[in-house]
Amino acid sequence: MRIIIAGAGDVGTHLAKLLSRENMEISLLDENPERLGDLSANYDMLTKAGNPTSIHDLKEIGVKDCDLFISVTPHETENMTACLIANSLGAKRTLARIDNYEYLLPENKKFFEQMGLNHLIYPEVLAANEIEESLRTNWMRYHLQLCQGALELCIIKVRNTAKIIGQTFASGAYSHGKYRIVAIKRDQLTLIPRGQDVVLEGDIVFCVCTKENMEFMRDELGKNKREIKNVIFFGGGRIARKAATELIGEMDIKIIERDKELCKILSEKVPDALIINADGSDMEILKEEGIQDADAFVAVTDSSEANIFACLAAKRFGVRKTIAEIENLDYIPMAEGLDIGTVLNKKTIAASYIYQMLLDASVRGVHNLTSADAEIVEFYAKAGSPITKHKVREMNLPNEANIGGIVRAGEGILVNGETQIVAGDLVVVFCKSHVIRDLERFFK
């Protein structure tokens, strides 16, 4: 497959690096040669300095032969224009990064497809959606509905109140079949648990369960429900605006933003939130605005460092739930080590969304897990595929993969070694990113 990516910013570069590991021909285009650096020397990709909206430059990079043209520069108009030109020059499919939520509405999908824009992506909206879910299920680090809600993925930090601490997986402690631990994050290592492994205090566990068993799992892990009513957002950009708009009515929202003009926009867009024109990194300001009474603190400024330190300050004031949007991937392990509750990275979320489009038809969904450098993948089991010919314990699956559950006739079912997968099942697999291609062969 031949893919051209226009825009060597955070999203474009991260996506190009991800795809360069696959058996694909990747070209990266950007107006600024300095952004391209030595990517072509260190990764299996072609780089070219050029304008994404230049017909000459698009022809030069071979757009007429590409299977997918992706434009993810910071400028919506440039992205849409580049995709329209690429489509006219012969690109089979196009994808544009946008910043207008109206374009994503279902009634507009056909309109854009007729123009030659096949896919639109708004990374800030994807990140806002994750913030909303994290606040609603606040006793977890992260929560994700799988297979349209038939199964749930719950990522939980293990405290000393958990009943499962020290129990080996071979001991029978997990034979209840009400939830399944598919992975353990210990320090910076992600483990696929085997029989003699145990869960330790401080581990982050990745659990798959059905909705009706979430309370049982919560009790086993010693977690208490906490109602979140008062939320402070540090930073008033697009992520905060979208999340606050959805949460107003459920929670009382304060947004602290130092840009006066942006505060005026927020007052119009989110009229029921309290907008405060101040520097949210100032401890005195936080105290004045009642940080000690907040149930949750969400840091979504453009600065990863400011978001990390603000969340640490919030925890010092006693805030139980903190969320940080961290764009520098190198900072994510540090943030988790400092016990910041939920860490988000919009470029990995966006890249995961795009990556899903490029996989085999047997893959129904891919969910990137920033905290584990891993994916939850939903595979469709085809008739006659290898996955249907043996019980789970007899399948020679990659060591860095673990089946969490299946959905059969709309019902979520947890698996064990004796489970027999049949044609038509949706199979939920936890795996490291680089083994997705290896897993595909089991489902073809």
Protein backbone atom coordinates (compact mmCIF):
# COMPACT_ATOMS: atom_id res chain seq x y z
CA MET A 1 0.00 0.00 0.00
CA ARG A 2 1.30 3.46 -0.92
CA ILE A 3 0.55 6.27 1.54
CA ILE A 4 1.44 9.97 1.36
CA ILE A 5 1.31 12.03 4.56
CA ALA A 6 1.30 15.82 4.24
CA GLY A 7 2.43 17.61 7.39
CA ALA A 8 5.48 16.62 9.45
CA GLY A 9 4.11 17.96 12.72
CA ASP A 10 3.43 15.79 15.78
CA VAL A 11 0.55 13.79 14.29
CA GLY A 12 2.08 13.34 10.83
CA THR A 13 5.53 12.36 12.08
CA HIS A 14 4.17 9.95 14.69
CA LEU A 15 1.90 8.31 12.13
CA ALA A 16 4.70 8.06 9.54
CA LYS A 17 6.99 6.37 12.08
CA LEU A 18 4.21 3.95 13.07
CA LEU A 19 3.41 3.00 9.49
CA SER A 20 7.06 2.74 8.44
CA ARG A 21 7.27 -0.44 10.54
CA GLU A 22 4.66 -2.03 8.31
CA ASN A 23 5.03 -3.36 4.79
CA MET A 24 3.90 -0.06 3.28
CA GLU A 25 5.46 2.59 1.08
CA ILE A 26 5.36 5.81 3.11
CA SER A 27 6.10 9.33 1.83
CA LEU A 28 6.14 12.37 4.13
CA LEU A 29 5.70 15.86 2.67
CA ASP A 30 6.26 19.20 4.44
CA GLU A 31 7.09 22.75 3.44
CA ASN A 32 9.80 23.04 6.08
CA PRO A 33 12.85 20.81 5.33
CA GLU A 34 13.99 21.16 8.97
CA ARG A 35 10.89 19.29 10.19
CA LEU A 36 11.79 16.35 7.95
CA GLY A 37 15.28 16.20 9.44
CA ASP A 38 16.88 12.79 9.03
CA LEU A 39 13.63 10.80 9.12
CA SER A 40 14.35 9.10 5.79
CA ALA A 41 17.75 7.93 7.11
CA ASN A 42 16.34 6.48 10.35
CA TYR A 43 12.99 5.15 9.12
CA ASP A 44 11.80 3.31 6.03
CA MET A 45 10.13 6.29 4.37
CA LEU A 46 10.63 8.87 1.63
CA THR A 47 10.66 12.54 2.67
CA LYS A 48 10.18 15.56 0.42
CA ALA A 49 10.11 19.29 1.06
CA GLY A 50 7.10 20.74 -0.71
CA ASN A 51 3.74 22.48 -0.43
CA PRO A 52 0.77 20.11 0.17
CA THR A 53 -1.47 22.36 -1.95
CA SER A 54 0.95 22.62 -4.86
CA ILE A 55 -0.14 20.60 -7.89
CA HIS A 56 3.49 20.42 -9.01
CA ASP A 57 4.74 19.12 -5.63
CA LEU A 58 1.92 16.56 -5.34
CA LYS A 59 2.68 15.26 -8.82
CA GLU A 60 6.38 15.11 -7.94
CA ILE A 61 5.74 12.92 -4.92
CA GLY A 62 3.54 10.59 -6.99
CA VAL A 63 0.07 11.33 -5.64
CA LYS A 64 -1.63 9.77 -8.69
CA ASP A 65 -0.42 6.32 -7.59
CA CYS A 66 -1.16 6.54 -3.88
CA ASP A 67 -3.77 4.44 -2.10
CA LEU A 68 -4.28 6.93 0.71
CA PHE A 69 -3.42 10.64 0.95
CA ILE A 70 -3.41 12.01 4.51
CA SER A 71 -3.13 15.73 5.24
CA VAL A 72 -2.54 16.55 8.90
CA THR A 73 -0.92 19.99 8.87
CA PRO A 74 -2.10 22.41 11.63
CA HIS A 75 -4.26 24.27 9.09
CA GLU A 76 -7.74 22.94 8.28
CA THR A 77 -8.12 24.84 5.00
CA GLU A 78 -4.75 23.61 3.76
CA ASN A 79 -5.62 20.02 4.66
CA MET A 80 -8.98 20.08 2.89
CA THR A 81 -7.55 21.81 -0.18
CA ALA A 82 -4.66 19.33 -0.36
CA CYS A 83 -7.08 16.39 -0.19
CA LEU A 84 -9.32 17.83 -2.92
CA ILE A 85 -6.32 18.32 -5.23
CA ALA A 86 -4.93 14.86 -4.39
CA ASN A 87 -8.29 13.29 -5.19
CA SER A 88 -8.43 15.11 -8.54
CA LEU A 89 -4.90 13.91 -9.35
CA GLY A 90 -5.77 10.28 -8.74
CA ALA A 91 -5.39 9.46 -5.02
CA LYS A 92 -7.74 6.57 -4.21
CA ARG A 93 -8.71 7.79 -0.72
CA THR A 94 -8.10 10.97 1.27
CA LEU A 95 -8.13 11.99 4.93
CA ALA A 96 -7.98 15.52 6.31
CA ARG A 97 -7.36 16.80 9.83
CA ILE A 98 -9.97 19.45 10.66
CA ASP A 99 -10.94 21.77 13.52
CA ASN A 100 -14.61 22.41 12.73
CA TYR A 101 -16.88 20.02 14.61
CA GLU A 102 -19.79 20.73 12.24
CA TYR A 103 -17.95 18.87 9.47
CA LEU A 104 -18.12 15.63 11.50
CA LEU A 105 -21.90 15.59 11.74
CA PRO A 106 -23.36 12.48 10.02
CA GLU A 107 -25.53 14.54 7.64
CA ASN A 108 -22.38 16.12 6.16
CA LYS A 109 -20.50 12.88 5.49
CA LYS A 110 -21.95 12.28 2.01
CA PHE A 111 -21.36 15.90 1.02
CA PHE A 112 -17.64 15.69 1.73
CA GLU A 113 -17.29 12.26 0.11
CA GLN A 114 -18.80 13.63 -3.10
CA MET A 115 -16.16 16.36 -3.02
CA GLY A 116 -13.36 13.80 -2.70
CA LEU A 117 -12.85 13.97 1.09
CA ASN A 118 -13.34 10.39 2.28
CA HIS A 119 -12.36 10.77 5.94
CA LEU A 120 -12.16 13.64 8.42
CA ILE A 121 -10.41 13.56 11.78
CA TYR A 122 -10.48 16.04 14.67
CA PRO A 123 -7.86 14.91 17.25
CA GLU A 124 -8.98 17.41 19.89
CA VAL A 125 -12.52 16.00 19.82
CA LEU A 126 -11.17 12.46 20.22
CA ALA A 127 -9.16 13.60 23.25
CA ALA A 128 -12.18 15.45 24.72
CA ASN A 129 -14.27 12.29 24.41
CA GLU A 130 -11.68 10.41 26.47
CA ILE A 131 -11.68 13.11 29.15
CA GLU A 132 -15.48 12.91 29.44
CA GLU A 133 -15.38 9.13 29.84
CA SER A 134 -12.54 9.33 32.37
CA LEU A 135 -14.48 11.76 34.57
CA ARG A 136 -17.63 9.64 34.44
CA THR A 137 -15.75 6.46 35.44
CA ASN A 138 -13.34 8.15 37.80
CA TRP A 139 -12.30 5.14 39.93
CA MET A 140 -10.35 3.87 36.92
CA ARG A 141 -7.35 5.29 35.13
CA TYR A 142 -9.06 4.71 31.80
CA HIS A 143 -12.30 3.15 30.55
CA LEU A 144 -13.28 2.07 27.07
CA GLN A 145 -16.39 0.38 25.72
CA LEU A 146 -15.57 -2.40 23.28
CA CYS A 147 -17.70 -3.92 20.54
CA GLN A 148 -20.43 -1.28 21.00
CA GLY A 149 -20.60 -1.84 24.74
CA ALA A 150 -20.76 -5.65 24.82
CA LEU A 151 -17.44 -5.68 26.69
CA GLU A 152 -15.62 -3.11 28.83
CA LEU A 153 -11.91 -2.37 29.12
CA CYS A 154 -10.95 -1.00 32.53
CA ILE A 155 -7.43 0.20 33.39
CA ILE A 156 -6.94 0.41 37.16
CA LYS A 157 -4.09 1.31 39.52
CA VAL A 158 -3.76 -1.39 42.21
CA ARG A 159 -3.70 -0.02 45.74
CA ASN A 160 -3.11 -1.96 48.98
CA THR A 161 -6.88 -2.42 49.41
CA ALA A 162 -7.11 -4.83 46.44
CA LYS A 163 -8.09 -8.42 47.31
CA ILE A 164 -6.07 -9.90 44.46
CA ILE A 165 -2.61 -8.74 45.56
CA GLY A 166 -0.17 -11.66 45.68
CA GLN A 167 -2.56 -14.16 44.07
CA THR A 168 -1.02 -16.17 41.23
CA PHE A 169 -3.05 -16.59 38.06
CA ALA A 170 -2.78 -20.37 38.47
CA SER A 171 -4.23 -20.28 42.02
CA GLY A 172 -7.88 -20.22 40.97
CA ALA A 173 -8.38 -16.69 42.30
CA TYR A 174 -9.57 -15.61 38.86
CA SER A 175 -11.66 -18.68 38.00
CA HIS A 176 -14.88 -16.74 38.76
CA GLY A 177 -14.99 -15.74 35.08
CA LYS A 178 -16.35 -12.28 35.88
CA TYR A 179 -13.38 -10.29 34.64
CA ARG A 180 -10.10 -11.10 32.94
CA ILE A 181 -6.74 -9.36 33.44
CA VAL A 182 -5.18 -9.25 29.98
CA ALA A 183 -2.05 -7.27 30.89
CA ILE A 184 -0.12 -5.75 33.78
CA LYS A 185 1.93 -2.54 33.59
CA ARG A 186 4.73 -2.68 36.18
CA ASP A 187 7.05 0.30 36.19
CA GLN A 188 7.76 0.71 32.44
CA LEU A 189 7.26 -2.96 31.55
CA THR A 190 4.00 -4.32 30.12
CA LEU A 191 3.47 -7.99 31.03
CA ILE A 192 1.11 -10.57 29.55
CA PRO A 193 0.26 -12.58 32.70
CA ARG A 194 1.01 -16.31 32.85
CA GLY A 195 0.15 -18.91 35.50
CA GLN A 196 2.78 -18.03 38.10
CA ASP A 197 2.57 -14.26 37.72
CA VAL A 198 1.02 -12.19 40.53
CA VAL A 199 -0.50 -8.73 40.85
CA LEU A 200 1.45 -6.36 43.09
CA GLU A 201 0.57 -3.10 44.79
CA GLY A 202 1.34 -0.25 42.39
CA ASP A 203 0.65 -2.30 39.26
CA ILE A 204 -1.67 -0.95 36.59
CA VAL A 205 -3.95 -3.77 35.46
CA PHE A 206 -5.84 -3.98 32.17
CA CYS A 207 -9.14 -5.79 32.73
CA VAL A 208 -11.86 -6.94 30.33
CA CYS A 209 -15.32 -7.57 31.76
CA THR A 210 -19.02 -7.26 30.99
CA LYS A 211 -21.03 -4.29 32.26
CA GLU A 212 -22.95 -6.36 34.83
CA ASN A 213 -19.68 -7.50 36.45
CA MET A 214 -18.00 -4.10 36.79
CA GLU A 215 -19.16 -3.70 40.41
CA PHE A 216 -17.73 -7.13 41.32
CA MET A 217 -14.42 -6.17 39.72
CA ARG A 218 -14.40 -2.80 41.49
CA ASP A 219 -14.89 -4.52 44.85
CA GLU A 220 -12.12 -7.06 44.10
CA LEU A 221 -9.73 -4.23 43.32
CA GLY A 222 -10.70 -2.30 46.45
CA LYS A 223 -11.92 0.79 44.63
CA ASN A 224 -14.56 3.20 45.94
CA LYS A 225 -17.02 5.11 43.81
CA ARG A 226 -16.57 8.86 44.01
CA GLU A 227 -19.05 11.37 42.68
CA ILE A 228 -17.46 14.16 40.66
CA LYS A 229 -19.36 17.42 40.76
CA ASN A 230 -16.72 20.18 40.68
CA VAL A 231 -14.18 20.14 37.83
CA ILE A 232 -11.46 22.69 37.09
CA PHE A 233 -9.96 22.87 33.58
CA PHE A 234 -6.52 24.41 33.26
CA GLY A 235 -6.38 25.72 29.67
CA GLY A 236 -9.31 26.75 27.52
CA GLY A 237 -8.41 25.39 24.09
CA ARG A 238 -10.50 23.17 21.84
CA ILE A 239 -10.16 20.08 24.04
CA ALA A 240 -11.45 21.89 27.13
CA ARG A 241 -14.21 23.61 25.18
CA LYS A 242 -15.56 20.36 23.70
CA ALA A 243 -15.31 18.39 26.97
CA ALA A 244 -16.88 21.18 29.04
CA THR A 245 -19.76 21.54 26.58
CA GLU A 246 -20.63 17.86 26.99
CA LEU A 247 -20.21 17.80 30.79
CA ILE A 248 -22.21 20.93 31.64
CA GLY A 249 -25.40 19.83 33.38
CA GLU A 250 -23.70 16.82 34.95
CA MET A 251 -20.87 18.75 36.64
CA ASP A 252 -19.99 22.29 37.69
CA ILE A 253 -17.20 23.48 35.40
CA LYS A 254 -14.53 26.15 35.89
CA ILE A 255 -12.09 26.95 33.09
CA ILE A 256 -8.92 28.90 33.93
CA GLU A 257 -7.39 30.51 30.83
CA ARG A 258 -4.87 33.36 30.73
CA ASP A 259 -5.65 34.49 27.15
CA LYS A 260 -8.28 37.22 27.47
CA GLU A 261 -9.60 36.86 23.90
CA LEU A 262 -9.98 33.10 24.31
CA CYS A 263 -11.91 33.69 27.54
CA LYS A 264 -14.40 35.81 25.58
CA ILE A 265 -14.87 32.96 23.09
CA LEU A 266 -15.32 30.46 25.93
CA SER A 267 -17.96 32.67 27.56
CA GLU A 268 -19.95 32.51 24.32
CA LYS A 269 -19.37 28.83 23.54
CA VAL A 270 -19.76 27.45 27.08
CA PRO A 271 -22.04 30.02 28.78
CA ASP A 272 -22.89 27.80 31.75
CA ALA A 273 -19.24 27.30 32.75
CA LEU A 274 -17.39 29.77 34.98
CA ILE A 275 -14.58 31.27 32.89
CA ILE A 276 -11.64 32.73 34.81
CA ASN A 277 -9.04 34.91 33.07
CA ALA A 278 -5.91 34.02 35.06
CA ASP A 279 -2.71 31.98 35.03
CA GLY A 280 -3.66 28.50 36.21
CA SER A 281 -0.04 27.64 36.99
CA ASP A 282 -0.06 30.22 39.81
CA MET A 283 -0.64 28.41 43.14
CA GLU A 284 -2.30 31.45 44.70
CA ILE A 285 -4.78 31.63 41.81
CA LEU A 286 -5.60 27.95 42.22
CA LYS A 287 -6.25 28.43 45.94
CA GLU A 288 -8.43 31.47 45.28
CA GLU A 289 -10.49 29.48 42.78
CA GLY A 290 -11.10 26.66 45.26
CA ILE A 291 -8.73 23.95 44.04
CA GLN A 292 -8.97 22.36 47.50
CA ASP A 293 -12.70 21.78 46.92
CA ALA A 294 -12.41 20.39 43.39
CA ASP A 295 -13.23 16.76 42.70
CA ALA A 296 -11.20 16.70 39.47
CA PHE A 297 -8.51 18.77 37.78
CA VAL A 298 -7.95 18.59 34.00
CA ALA A 299 -4.79 20.15 32.53
CA VAL A 300 -5.04 20.67 28.76
CA THR A 301 -2.75 23.61 27.92
CA ASP A 302 -0.31 23.47 25.00
CA SER A 303 2.56 22.80 27.42
CA SER A 304 3.15 19.21 28.56
CA GLU A 305 5.39 20.44 31.37
CA ALA A 306 2.79 22.92 32.65
CA ASN A 307 0.10 20.21 32.57
CA ILE A 308 2.25 17.78 34.57
CA PHE A 309 3.23 20.31 37.24
CA ALA A 310 -0.32 21.67 37.53
CA CYS A 311 -1.66 18.14 38.14
CA LEU A 312 1.00 17.55 40.79
CA ALA A 313 -0.03 20.80 42.48
CA ALA A 314 -3.69 19.75 42.33
CA LYS A 315 -2.85 16.43 44.02
CA ARG A 316 -0.99 18.33 46.73
CA PHE A 317 -4.19 20.27 47.39
CA GLY A 318 -6.06 16.97 47.77
CA VAL A 319 -7.72 16.61 44.34
CA ARG A 320 -8.34 12.88 43.85
CA LYS A 321 -8.79 12.78 40.06
CA THR A 322 -6.26 14.44 37.77
CA ILE A 323 -6.02 14.29 33.97
CA ALA A 324 -3.11 15.63 31.90
CA GLU A 325 -2.87 16.03 28.13
CA ILE A 326 0.80 15.34 27.36
CA GLU A 327 2.06 15.83 23.83
CA ASN A 328 5.69 14.92 24.49
CA LEU A 329 5.74 11.12 24.38
CA ASP A 330 8.97 11.01 26.39
CA TYR A 331 7.17 12.61 29.35
CA ILE A 332 4.40 10.01 29.59
CA PRO A 333 6.32 7.40 31.67
CA MET A 334 7.44 10.16 34.04
CA ALA A 335 3.86 11.42 34.43
CA GLU A 336 2.63 7.94 35.25
CA GLY A 337 5.46 7.45 37.72
CA LEU A 338 4.35 10.64 39.46
CA ASP A 339 0.89 9.06 39.81
CA ILE A 340 -0.99 11.49 37.60
CA GLY A 341 -4.33 9.72 37.22
CA THR A 342 -5.09 9.76 33.49
CA VAL A 343 -2.58 10.66 30.77
CA LEU A 344 -3.78 11.52 27.25
CA ASN A 345 -1.88 12.13 24.04
CA LYS A 346 -3.97 13.35 21.14
CA LYS A 347 -1.50 12.42 18.43
CA THR A 348 -1.41 8.75 19.46
CA ILE A 349 -5.21 8.77 19.63
CA ALA A 350 -5.39 10.25 16.12
CA ALA A 351 -2.74 7.91 14.74
CA SER A 352 -4.60 4.90 16.14
CA TYR A 353 -7.79 6.08 14.45
CA ILE A 354 -6.02 6.43 11.09
CA TYR A 355 -4.08 3.18 11.51
CA GLN A 356 -7.35 1.29 11.87
CA MET A 357 -8.32 2.24 8.30
CA LEU A 358 -5.26 0.48 6.91
CA LEU A 359 -5.72 -2.93 8.47
CA ASP A 360 -7.29 -6.04 7.02
CA ALA A 361 -11.09 -6.23 6.74
CA SER A 362 -11.10 -8.78 9.59
CA VAL A 363 -10.14 -5.94 11.97
CA ARG A 364 -13.27 -4.16 13.18
CA GLY A 365 -11.66 -1.76 15.64
CA VAL A 366 -8.31 -0.62 17.05
CA HIS A 367 -7.93 1.33 20.29
CA ASN A 368 -4.52 2.76 21.14
CA LEU A 369 -3.52 2.58 24.81
CA THR A 370 -1.12 5.43 25.49
CA SER A 371 -0.21 4.16 28.95
CA ALA A 372 0.99 0.76 27.69
CA ASP A 373 2.28 1.39 24.18
CA ALA A 374 -0.24 -1.26 23.15
CA GLU A 375 -3.56 -1.75 21.41
CA ILE A 376 -6.92 -3.36 22.03
CA VAL A 377 -7.98 -4.85 18.69
CA GLU A 378 -11.41 -6.18 17.70
CA PHE A 379 -11.07 -8.98 15.14
CA TYR A 380 -13.86 -10.64 13.16
CA ALA A 381 -13.51 -14.44 13.03
CA LYS A 382 -14.18 -15.55 9.45
CA ALA A 383 -15.49 -18.99 8.53
CA GLY A 384 -12.56 -21.38 8.07
CA SER A 385 -10.01 -19.02 9.62
CA PRO A 386 -7.28 -20.58 11.82
CA ILE A 387 -8.69 -18.98 14.98
CA THR A 388 -11.84 -21.13 14.66
CA LYS A 389 -10.01 -24.46 14.37
CA HIS A 390 -8.60 -24.88 17.89
CA LYS A 391 -9.36 -24.02 21.50
CA VAL A 392 -7.70 -20.86 22.79
CA ARG A 393 -5.06 -22.79 24.78
CA GLU A 394 -4.07 -24.66 21.62
CA MET A 395 -3.56 -21.54 19.52
CA ASN A 396 0.07 -20.56 19.03
CA LEU A 397 -0.62 -16.86 19.50
CA PRO A 398 2.26 -14.35 19.73
CA ASN A 399 3.66 -14.02 23.27
CA GLU A 400 2.77 -10.33 23.30
CA ALA A 401 -0.94 -10.94 22.67
CA ASN A 402 -3.78 -12.04 24.94
CA ILE A 403 -7.43 -12.68 24.06
CA GLY A 404 -9.68 -10.92 26.55
CA GLY A 405 -13.18 -11.84 25.40
CA ILE A 406 -15.53 -12.47 22.51
CA VAL A 407 -18.88 -11.12 21.44
CA ARG A 408 -21.27 -13.75 20.09
CA ALA A 409 -24.76 -12.79 18.90
CA GLY A 410 -24.38 -9.46 20.69
CA GLU A 411 -23.43 -10.99 24.06
CA GLY A 412 -20.06 -10.36 25.66
CA ILE A 413 -18.31 -13.52 26.88
CA LEU A 414 -14.95 -13.77 28.69
CA VAL A 415 -12.60 -16.44 27.37
CA ASN A 416 -10.44 -19.06 29.04
CA GLY A 417 -8.16 -21.77 27.70
CA GLU A 418 -11.10 -24.04 26.85
CA THR A 419 -12.99 -21.44 24.80
CA GLN A 420 -13.68 -22.39 21.18
CA ILE A 421 -14.03 -19.36 18.91
CA VAL A 422 -16.53 -19.82 16.08
CA ALA A 423 -17.15 -18.04 12.79
CA GLY A 424 -18.94 -14.73 13.31
CA ASP A 425 -17.44 -14.03 16.74
CA LEU A 426 -15.92 -10.64 17.45
CA VAL A 427 -12.67 -11.34 19.29
CA VAL A 428 -11.09 -8.74 21.59
CA VAL A 429 -7.29 -9.01 21.76
CA PHE A 430 -4.80 -7.04 23.84
CA CYS A 431 -1.45 -6.82 22.06
CA LYS A 432 1.68 -4.80 21.47
CA SER A 433 1.35 -2.62 18.37
CA HIS A 434 3.96 -4.48 16.33
CA VAL A 435 2.16 -7.87 16.50
CA ILE A 436 -1.16 -6.76 14.96
CA ARG A 437 -0.02 -7.90 11.53
CA ASP A 438 1.00 -11.30 12.94
CA LEU A 439 -2.43 -11.67 14.50
CA GLU A 440 -4.25 -10.92 11.26
CA ARG A 441 -3.28 -14.29 9.79
CA PHE A 442 -5.26 -16.11 12.51
CA PHE A 443 -8.45 -14.40 11.35
CA LYS A 444 -8.15 -14.68 7.54
